[in-house]
PDB file of N, CA and C in Angstrom:
ATOM      1  N   MET A   1     -26.235 128.139 157.377  1.00  0.00           N
ATOM      2  CA  MET A   1     -28.121 128.541 158.158  1.00  0.00           C
ATOM      3  C   MET A   1     -29.455 128.570 156.687  1.00  0.00           C
ATOM      4  N   ASP A   2     -29.831 128.001 157.540  1.00  0.00           N
ATOM      5  CA  ASP A   2     -30.590 127.213 156.250  1.00  0.00           C
ATOM      6  C   ASP A   2     -31.514 128.132 155.644  1.00  0.00           C
ATOM      7  N   PHE A   3     -31.867 128.759 154.410  1.00  0.00           N
ATOM      8  CA  PHE A   3     -32.702 129.222 153.721  1.00  0.00           C
ATOM      9  C   PHE A   3     -33.968 129.605 154.651  1.00  0.00           C
ATOM     10  N   TRP A   4     -34.694 128.686 154.558  1.00  0.00           N
ATOM     11  CA  TRP A   4     -36.094 128.609 155.797  1.00  0.00           C
ATOM     12  C   TRP A   4     -36.020 128.038 157.150  1.00  0.00           C
ATOM     13  N   GLU A   5     -34.818 128.844 157.388  1.00  0.00           N
ATOM     14  CA  GLU A   5     -35.436 128.080 159.564  1.00  0.00           C
ATOM     15  C   GLU A   5     -35.680 129.760 160.463  1.00  0.00           C
ATOM     16  N   GLY A   6     -36.835 129.115 160.777  1.00  0.00           N
ATOM     17  CA  GLY A   6     -37.081 130.619 161.665  1.00  0.00           C
ATOM     18  C   GLY A   6     -38.639 130.885 160.959  1.00  0.00           C
ATOM     19  N   GLU A   7     -38.818 130.258 159.651  1.00  0.00           N
ATOM     20  CA  GLU A   7     -39.999 130.566 158.971  1.00  0.00           C
ATOM     21  C   GLU A   7     -41.314 129.254 158.667  1.00  0.00           C
ATOM     22  N   HIS A   8     -42.641 129.592 159.235  1.00  0.00           N
ATOM     23  CA  HIS A   8     -43.567 129.130 159.150  1.00  0.00           C
ATOM     24  C   HIS A   8     -44.897 129.215 158.335  1.00  0.00           C
ATOM     25  N   CYS A   9     -45.936 128.075 157.957  1.00  0.00           N
ATOM     26  CA  CYS A   9     -46.420 128.026 156.531  1.00  0.00           C
ATOM     27  C   CYS A   9     -47.235 129.610 156.542  1.00  0.00           C
ATOM     28  N   GLU A  10     -47.737 129.886 156.086  1.00  0.00           N
ATOM     29  CA  GLU A  10     -48.439 131.316 156.150  1.00  0.00           C
ATOM     30  C   GLU A  10     -50.249 130.187 156.442  1.00  0.00           C
ATOM     31  N   TYR A  11     -50.513 129.195 156.022  1.00  0.00           N
ATOM     32  CA  TYR A  11     -51.670 128.856 156.295  1.00  0.00           C
ATOM     33  C   TYR A  11     -51.765 128.502 157.298  1.00  0.00           C
ATOM     34  N   CYS A  12     -51.226 126.962 157.778  1.00  0.00           N
ATOM     35  CA  CYS A  12     -51.196 126.477 158.921  1.00  0.00           C
ATOM     36  C   CYS A  12     -51.181 126.316 160.174  1.00  0.00           C
ATOM     37  N   GLY A  13     -49.317 127.576 159.605  1.00  0.00           N
ATOM     38  CA  GLY A  13     -48.350 128.207 160.726  1.00  0.00           C
ATOM     39  C   GLY A  13     -47.405 126.813 161.229  1.00  0.00           C
ATOM     40  N   GLY A  14     -46.745 125.727 160.432  1.00  0.00           N
ATOM     41  CA  GLY A  14     -46.414 124.963 161.063  1.00  0.00           C
ATOM     42  C   GLY A  14     -44.721 125.281 160.664  1.00  0.00           C
ATOM     43  N   ARG A  15     -43.976 124.849 160.752  1.00  0.00           N
ATOM     44  CA  ARG A  15     -42.673 124.445 160.404  1.00  0.00           C
ATOM     45  C   ARG A  15     -42.386 123.995 159.117  1.00  0.00           C
ATOM     46  N   ILE A  16     -41.254 125.952 158.331  1.00  0.00           N
ATOM     47  CA  ILE A  16     -40.639 124.689 156.893  1.00  0.00           C
ATOM     48  C   ILE A  16     -39.447 124.332 157.484  1.00  0.00           C
ATOM     49  N   VAL A  17     -39.464 123.019 156.318  1.00  0.00           N
ATOM     50  CA  VAL A  17     -37.354 122.206 156.307  1.00  0.00           C
ATOM     51  C   VAL A  17     -37.354 122.382 155.212  1.00  0.00           C
ATOM     52  N   GLU A  18     -35.708 121.878 154.421  1.00  0.00           N
ATOM     53  CA  GLU A  18     -35.766 122.370 153.101  1.00  0.00           C
ATOM     54  C   GLU A  18     -35.395 120.898 152.840  1.00  0.00           C
ATOM     55  N   LYS A  19     -35.982 120.476 151.311  1.00  0.00           N
ATOM     56  CA  LYS A  19     -36.202 119.672 150.759  1.00  0.00           C
ATOM     57  C   LYS A  19     -35.882 119.731 149.383  1.00  0.00           C
ATOM     58  N   ARG A  20     -35.575 118.576 148.881  1.00  0.00           N
ATOM     59  CA  ARG A  20     -35.420 118.618 147.752  1.00  0.00           C
ATOM     60  C   ARG A  20     -36.757 118.001 147.044  1.00  0.00           C
ATOM     61  N   VAL A  21     -37.832 118.312 145.883  1.00  0.00           N
ATOM     62  CA  VAL A  21     -38.778 117.909 145.023  1.00  0.00           C
ATOM     63  C   VAL A  21     -38.400 117.328 144.272  1.00  0.00           C
ATOM     64  N   ASP A  22     -39.870 117.575 143.409  1.00  0.00           N
ATOM     65  CA  ASP A  22     -39.671 117.042 141.781  1.00  0.00           C
ATOM     66  C   ASP A  22     -41.323 117.491 141.492  1.00  0.00           C
ATOM     67  N   LEU A  23     -41.508 118.577 140.321  1.00  0.00           N
ATOM     68  CA  LEU A  23     -42.311 118.934 139.717  1.00  0.00           C
ATOM     69  C   LEU A  23     -42.738 118.766 138.791  1.00  0.00           C
ATOM     70  N   HIS A  24     -43.925 118.736 139.080  1.00  0.00           N
ATOM     71  CA  HIS A  24     -44.756 117.995 137.671  1.00  0.00           C
ATOM     72  C   HIS A  24     -45.206 119.053 136.432  1.00  0.00           C
ATOM     73  N   ARG A  25     -45.171 119.407 135.916  1.00  0.00           N
ATOM     74  CA  ARG A  25     -45.459 120.131 134.608  1.00  0.00           C
ATOM     75  C   ARG A  25     -45.805 120.028 132.958  1.00  0.00           C
ATOM     76  N   LYS A  26     -46.595 120.445 132.875  1.00  0.00           N
ATOM     77  CA  LYS A  26     -47.495 120.762 131.379  1.00  0.00           C
ATOM     78  C   LYS A  26     -46.873 121.913 130.398  1.00  0.00           C
ATOM     79  N   VAL A  27     -46.482 121.670 129.804  1.00  0.00           N
ATOM     80  CA  VAL A  27     -45.177 122.640 129.126  1.00  0.00           C
ATOM     81  C   VAL A  27     -46.229 122.437 127.462  1.00  0.00           C
ATOM     82  N   LYS A  28     -46.715 123.363 126.917  1.00  0.00           N
ATOM     83  CA  LYS A  28     -47.258 123.398 125.241  1.00  0.00           C
ATOM     84  C   LYS A  28     -47.991 121.472 125.198  1.00  0.00           C
ATOM     85  N   GLY A  29     -48.407 120.852 126.379  1.00  0.00           N
ATOM     86  CA  GLY A  29     -49.484 120.077 125.791  1.00  0.00           C
ATOM     87  C   GLY A  29     -47.749 118.382 125.735  1.00  0.00           C
ATOM     88  N   LYS A  30     -47.196 118.805 126.683  1.00  0.00           N
ATOM     89  CA  LYS A  30     -46.164 117.279 127.171  1.00  0.00           C
ATOM     90  C   LYS A  30     -46.053 117.875 128.397  1.00  0.00           C
ATOM     91  N   HIS A  31     -45.833 116.362 129.026  1.00  0.00           N
ATOM     92  CA  HIS A  31     -45.682 116.449 130.564  1.00  0.00           C
ATOM     93  C   HIS A  31     -44.233 116.793 130.951  1.00  0.00           C
ATOM     94  N   VAL A  32     -43.725 117.190 132.161  1.00  0.00           N
ATOM     95  CA  VAL A  32     -42.138 117.429 132.033  1.00  0.00           C
ATOM     96  C   VAL A  32     -42.125 117.256 133.497  1.00  0.00           C
ATOM     97  N   LEU A  33     -40.979 116.616 133.762  1.00  0.00           N
ATOM     98  CA  LEU A  33     -40.263 115.898 135.611  1.00  0.00           C
ATOM     99  C   LEU A  33     -39.211 117.376 135.733  1.00  0.00           C
ATOM    100  N   ILE A  34     -38.725 118.062 136.360  1.00  0.00           N
ATOM    101  CA  ILE A  34     -38.354 118.406 137.174  1.00  0.00           C
ATOM    102  C   ILE A  34     -37.498 117.184 138.181  1.00  0.00           C
ATOM    103  N   GLU A  35     -36.215 117.198 138.016  1.00  0.00           N
ATOM    104  CA  GLU A  35     -36.477 116.486 139.521  1.00  0.00           C
ATOM    105  C   GLU A  35     -35.401 117.539 140.737  1.00  0.00           C
ATOM    106  N   ASN A  36     -35.502 116.933 141.753  1.00  0.00           N
ATOM    107  CA  ASN A  36     -34.217 117.647 142.765  1.00  0.00           C
ATOM    108  C   ASN A  36     -34.788 119.018 143.292  1.00  0.00           C
ATOM    109  N   VAL A  37     -35.834 120.142 142.608  1.00  0.00           N
ATOM    110  CA  VAL A  37     -36.130 121.177 143.013  1.00  0.00           C
ATOM    111  C   VAL A  37     -35.661 121.434 144.533  1.00  0.00           C
ATOM    112  N   PRO A  38     -34.902 122.601 145.266  1.00  0.00           N
ATOM    113  CA  PRO A  38     -35.038 123.022 146.602  1.00  0.00           C
ATOM    114  C   PRO A  38     -36.465 123.753 147.029  1.00  0.00           C
ATOM    115  N   ALA A  39     -37.134 123.235 148.068  1.00  0.00           N
ATOM    116  CA  ALA A  39     -38.446 123.582 148.261  1.00  0.00           C
ATOM    117  C   ALA A  39     -38.552 124.152 150.080  1.00  0.00           C
ATOM    118  N   GLY A  40     -39.645 124.952 150.516  1.00  0.00           N
ATOM    119  CA  GLY A  40     -39.175 124.618 152.087  1.00  0.00           C
ATOM    120  C   GLY A  40     -40.646 124.222 151.851  1.00  0.00           C
ATOM    121  N   VAL A  41     -40.869 123.247 152.823  1.00  0.00           N
ATOM    122  CA  VAL A  41     -41.587 122.509 152.839  1.00  0.00           C
ATOM    123  C   VAL A  41     -42.135 122.739 154.637  1.00  0.00           C
ATOM    124  N   CYS A  42     -43.893 122.776 154.537  1.00  0.00           N
ATOM    125  CA  CYS A  42     -44.493 123.098 155.286  1.00  0.00           C
ATOM    126  C   CYS A  42     -44.057 121.306 156.501  1.00  0.00           C
ATOM    127  N   THR A  43     -44.469 121.181 157.269  1.00  0.00           N
ATOM    128  CA  THR A  43     -43.843 120.491 158.137  1.00  0.00           C
ATOM    129  C   THR A  43     -45.593 119.527 159.176  1.00  0.00           C
ATOM    130  N   GLU A  44     -46.286 120.228 158.503  1.00  0.00           N
ATOM    131  CA  GLU A  44     -47.991 120.129 159.430  1.00  0.00           C
ATOM    132  C   GLU A  44     -48.532 119.938 157.414  1.00  0.00           C
ATOM    133  N   CYS A  45     -48.909 120.387 156.692  1.00  0.00           N
ATOM    134  CA  CYS A  45     -49.680 120.394 155.867  1.00  0.00           C
ATOM    135  C   CYS A  45     -49.025 120.419 154.021  1.00  0.00           C
ATOM    136  N   GLY A  46     -47.874 120.275 154.227  1.00  0.00           N
ATOM    137  CA  GLY A  46     -46.748 120.036 152.835  1.00  0.00           C
ATOM    138  C   GLY A  46     -47.026 121.043 152.037  1.00  0.00           C
ATOM    139  N   THR A  47     -47.046 122.589 152.159  1.00  0.00           N
ATOM    140  CA  THR A  47     -47.403 123.015 151.293  1.00  0.00           C
ATOM    141  C   THR A  47     -45.494 123.423 151.079  1.00  0.00           C
ATOM    142  N   ARG A  48     -45.438 123.711 149.715  1.00  0.00           N
ATOM    143  CA  ARG A  48     -44.195 124.081 149.484  1.00  0.00           C
ATOM    144  C   ARG A  48     -44.107 125.380 148.807  1.00  0.00           C
ATOM    145  N   TYR A  49     -43.205 125.754 149.626  1.00  0.00           N
ATOM    146  CA  TYR A  49     -42.674 127.966 149.126  1.00  0.00           C
ATOM    147  C   TYR A  49     -41.208 127.766 148.273  1.00  0.00           C
ATOM    148  N   TYR A  50     -40.955 127.977 146.778  1.00  0.00           N
ATOM    149  CA  TYR A  50     -39.477 128.499 146.540  1.00  0.00           C
ATOM    150  C   TYR A  50     -39.444 129.352 146.388  1.00  0.00           C
ATOM    151  N   ALA A  51     -37.827 129.788 146.493  1.00  0.00           N
ATOM    152  CA  ALA A  51     -37.445 130.958 146.626  1.00  0.00           C
ATOM    153  C   ALA A  51     -37.181 131.799 144.947  1.00  0.00           C
ATOM    154  N   ALA A  52     -37.285 132.777 144.736  1.00  0.00           N
ATOM    155  CA  ALA A  52     -36.938 133.902 143.693  1.00  0.00           C
ATOM    156  C   ALA A  52     -36.296 132.884 142.207  1.00  0.00           C
ATOM    157  N   ASN A  53     -34.492 132.620 142.705  1.00  0.00           N
ATOM    158  CA  ASN A  53     -34.255 132.188 142.255  1.00  0.00           C
ATOM    159  C   ASN A  53     -34.449 130.273 141.841  1.00  0.00           C
ATOM    160  N   VAL A  54     -35.087 129.826 142.498  1.00  0.00           N
ATOM    161  CA  VAL A  54     -35.117 128.307 141.859  1.00  0.00           C
ATOM    162  C   VAL A  54     -36.420 128.405 141.331  1.00  0.00           C
ATOM    163  N   LEU A  55     -37.354 129.773 141.584  1.00  0.00           N
ATOM    164  CA  LEU A  55     -38.390 129.628 140.249  1.00  0.00           C
ATOM    165  C   LEU A  55     -37.847 130.242 138.529  1.00  0.00           C
ATOM    166  N   LYS A  56     -37.246 131.590 139.038  1.00  0.00           N
ATOM    167  CA  LYS A  56     -36.483 131.486 137.564  1.00  0.00           C
ATOM    168  C   LYS A  56     -35.687 130.096 136.967  1.00  0.00           C
ATOM    169  N   THR A  57     -35.042 129.154 137.581  1.00  0.00           N
ATOM    170  CA  THR A  57     -34.363 128.295 137.054  1.00  0.00           C
ATOM    171  C   THR A  57     -35.384 127.735 136.260  1.00  0.00           C
ATOM    172  N   VAL A  58     -36.523 127.364 137.069  1.00  0.00           N
ATOM    173  CA  VAL A  58     -37.457 125.798 136.246  1.00  0.00           C
ATOM    174  C   VAL A  58     -37.876 126.930 135.487  1.00  0.00           C
ATOM    175  N   GLU A  59     -38.393 128.001 135.214  1.00  0.00           N
ATOM    176  CA  GLU A  59     -38.680 128.825 134.288  1.00  0.00           C
ATOM    177  C   GLU A  59     -37.928 128.136 133.002  1.00  0.00           C
ATOM    178  N   GLU A  60     -36.959 128.977 133.308  1.00  0.00           N
ATOM    179  CA  GLU A  60     -35.923 128.411 132.669  1.00  0.00           C
ATOM    180  C   GLU A  60     -35.590 126.967 131.527  1.00  0.00           C
ATOM    181  N   THR A  61     -36.013 125.817 132.524  1.00  0.00           N
ATOM    182  CA  THR A  61     -35.434 124.947 132.474  1.00  0.00           C
ATOM    183  C   THR A  61     -36.868 124.270 131.600  1.00  0.00           C
ATOM    184  N   ILE A  62     -38.113 125.258 131.561  1.00  0.00           N
ATOM    185  CA  ILE A  62     -39.572 124.909 131.063  1.00  0.00           C
ATOM    186  C   ILE A  62     -39.927 125.593 129.609  1.00  0.00           C
ATOM    187  N   ARG A  63     -39.059 126.306 129.707  1.00  0.00           N
ATOM    188  CA  ARG A  63     -38.791 127.079 128.367  1.00  0.00           C
ATOM    189  C   ARG A  63     -36.992 126.531 127.473  1.00  0.00           C
ATOM    190  N   GLY A  64     -36.744 125.336 127.967  1.00  0.00           N
ATOM    191  CA  GLY A  64     -35.570 124.685 126.779  1.00  0.00           C
ATOM    192  C   GLY A  64     -34.494 125.033 126.991  1.00  0.00           C
ATOM    193  N   ARG A  65     -33.993 126.684 128.595  1.00  0.00           N
ATOM    194  CA  ARG A  65     -32.567 127.091 127.683  1.00  0.00           C
ATOM    195  C   ARG A  65     -31.784 125.823 128.619  1.00  0.00           C
ATOM    196  N   ARG A  66     -31.889 125.269 129.411  1.00  0.00           N
ATOM    197  CA  ARG A  66     -31.200 124.288 129.648  1.00  0.00           C
ATOM    198  C   ARG A  66     -30.932 123.072 129.316  1.00  0.00           C
ATOM    199  N   LYS A  67     -30.199 122.390 129.481  1.00  0.00           N
ATOM    200  CA  LYS A  67     -30.038 121.056 128.084  1.00  0.00           C
ATOM    201  C   LYS A  67     -31.181 119.630 129.265  1.00  0.00           C
ATOM    202  N   MET A  68     -31.781 118.643 129.047  1.00  0.00           N
ATOM    203  CA  MET A  68     -32.380 117.967 129.277  1.00  0.00           C
ATOM    204  C   MET A  68     -31.311 116.657 130.018  1.00  0.00           C
ATOM    205  N   GLU A  69     -31.916 116.218 131.035  1.00  0.00           N
ATOM    206  CA  GLU A  69     -30.866 115.031 131.191  1.00  0.00           C
ATOM    207  C   GLU A  69     -30.663 114.274 130.872  1.00  0.00           C
ATOM    208  N   HIS A  70     -32.681 113.172 130.783  1.00  0.00           N
ATOM    209  CA  HIS A  70     -32.687 112.003 129.915  1.00  0.00           C
ATOM    210  C   HIS A  70     -33.998 112.505 130.516  1.00  0.00           C
ATOM    211  N   GLN A  71     -35.203 111.118 129.183  1.00  0.00           N
ATOM    212  CA  GLN A  71     -35.932 111.279 129.351  1.00  0.00           C
ATOM    213  C   GLN A  71     -36.579 109.920 129.407  1.00  0.00           C
ATOM    214  N   VAL A  72     -37.673 109.992 129.834  1.00  0.00           N
ATOM    215  CA  VAL A  72     -38.166 108.504 130.700  1.00  0.00           C
ATOM    216  C   VAL A  72     -39.389 108.195 129.987  1.00  0.00           C
ATOM    217  N   LEU A  73     -40.512 107.124 129.759  1.00  0.00           N
ATOM    218  CA  LEU A  73     -41.504 106.247 129.113  1.00  0.00           C
ATOM    219  C   LEU A  73     -42.228 106.608 130.014  1.00  0.00           C
ATOM    220  N   VAL A  74     -43.467 106.826 130.140  1.00  0.00           N
ATOM    221  CA  VAL A  74     -44.624 106.835 131.088  1.00  0.00           C
ATOM    222  C   VAL A  74     -45.702 106.145 130.913  1.00  0.00           C
ATOM    223  N   PRO A  75     -46.047 105.290 131.403  1.00  0.00           N
ATOM    224  CA  PRO A  75     -47.170 105.045 130.989  1.00  0.00           C
ATOM    225  C   PRO A  75     -48.745 105.309 131.117  1.00  0.00           C
ATOM    226  N   VAL A  76     -50.280 105.676 130.056  1.00  0.00           N
ATOM    227  CA  VAL A  76     -50.250 106.372 130.344  1.00  0.00           C
ATOM    228  C   VAL A  76     -51.878 105.483 129.882  1.00  0.00           C
ATOM    229  N   TYR A  77     -52.914 106.251 131.369  1.00  0.00           N
ATOM    230  CA  TYR A  77     -53.880 104.386 131.113  1.00  0.00           C
ATOM    231  C   TYR A  77     -55.695 105.675 131.367  1.00  0.00           C
ATOM    232  N   SER A  78     -56.369 105.556 130.823  1.00  0.00           N
ATOM    233  CA  SER A  78     -57.295 105.903 131.037  1.00  0.00           C
ATOM    234  C   SER A  78     -58.496 105.242 131.178  1.00  0.00           C
ATOM    235  N   LEU A  79     -59.414 105.694 132.418  1.00  0.00           N
ATOM    236  CA  LEU A  79     -60.714 105.263 133.272  1.00  0.00           C
ATOM    237  C   LEU A  79     -61.920 105.517 132.583  1.00  0.00           C
TER     238      LEU A  79
END
């Protein structure tokens, strides 16, 4: 059974489905990308929901308790 089965968005009432998403965060002035994060995503408005255990893992990742998989060079532009 899907964790999000039967759940609906609190904002628009749309159906929530499980997807893998990327999270972009800024931590201590540095940008961090966390890939392949399981989330419930509203099929109507795109609002994302995260289970408590996923948020705990994200926090551990941001605090550096998990090993980084790889680094990428990101071009930066200014207007």
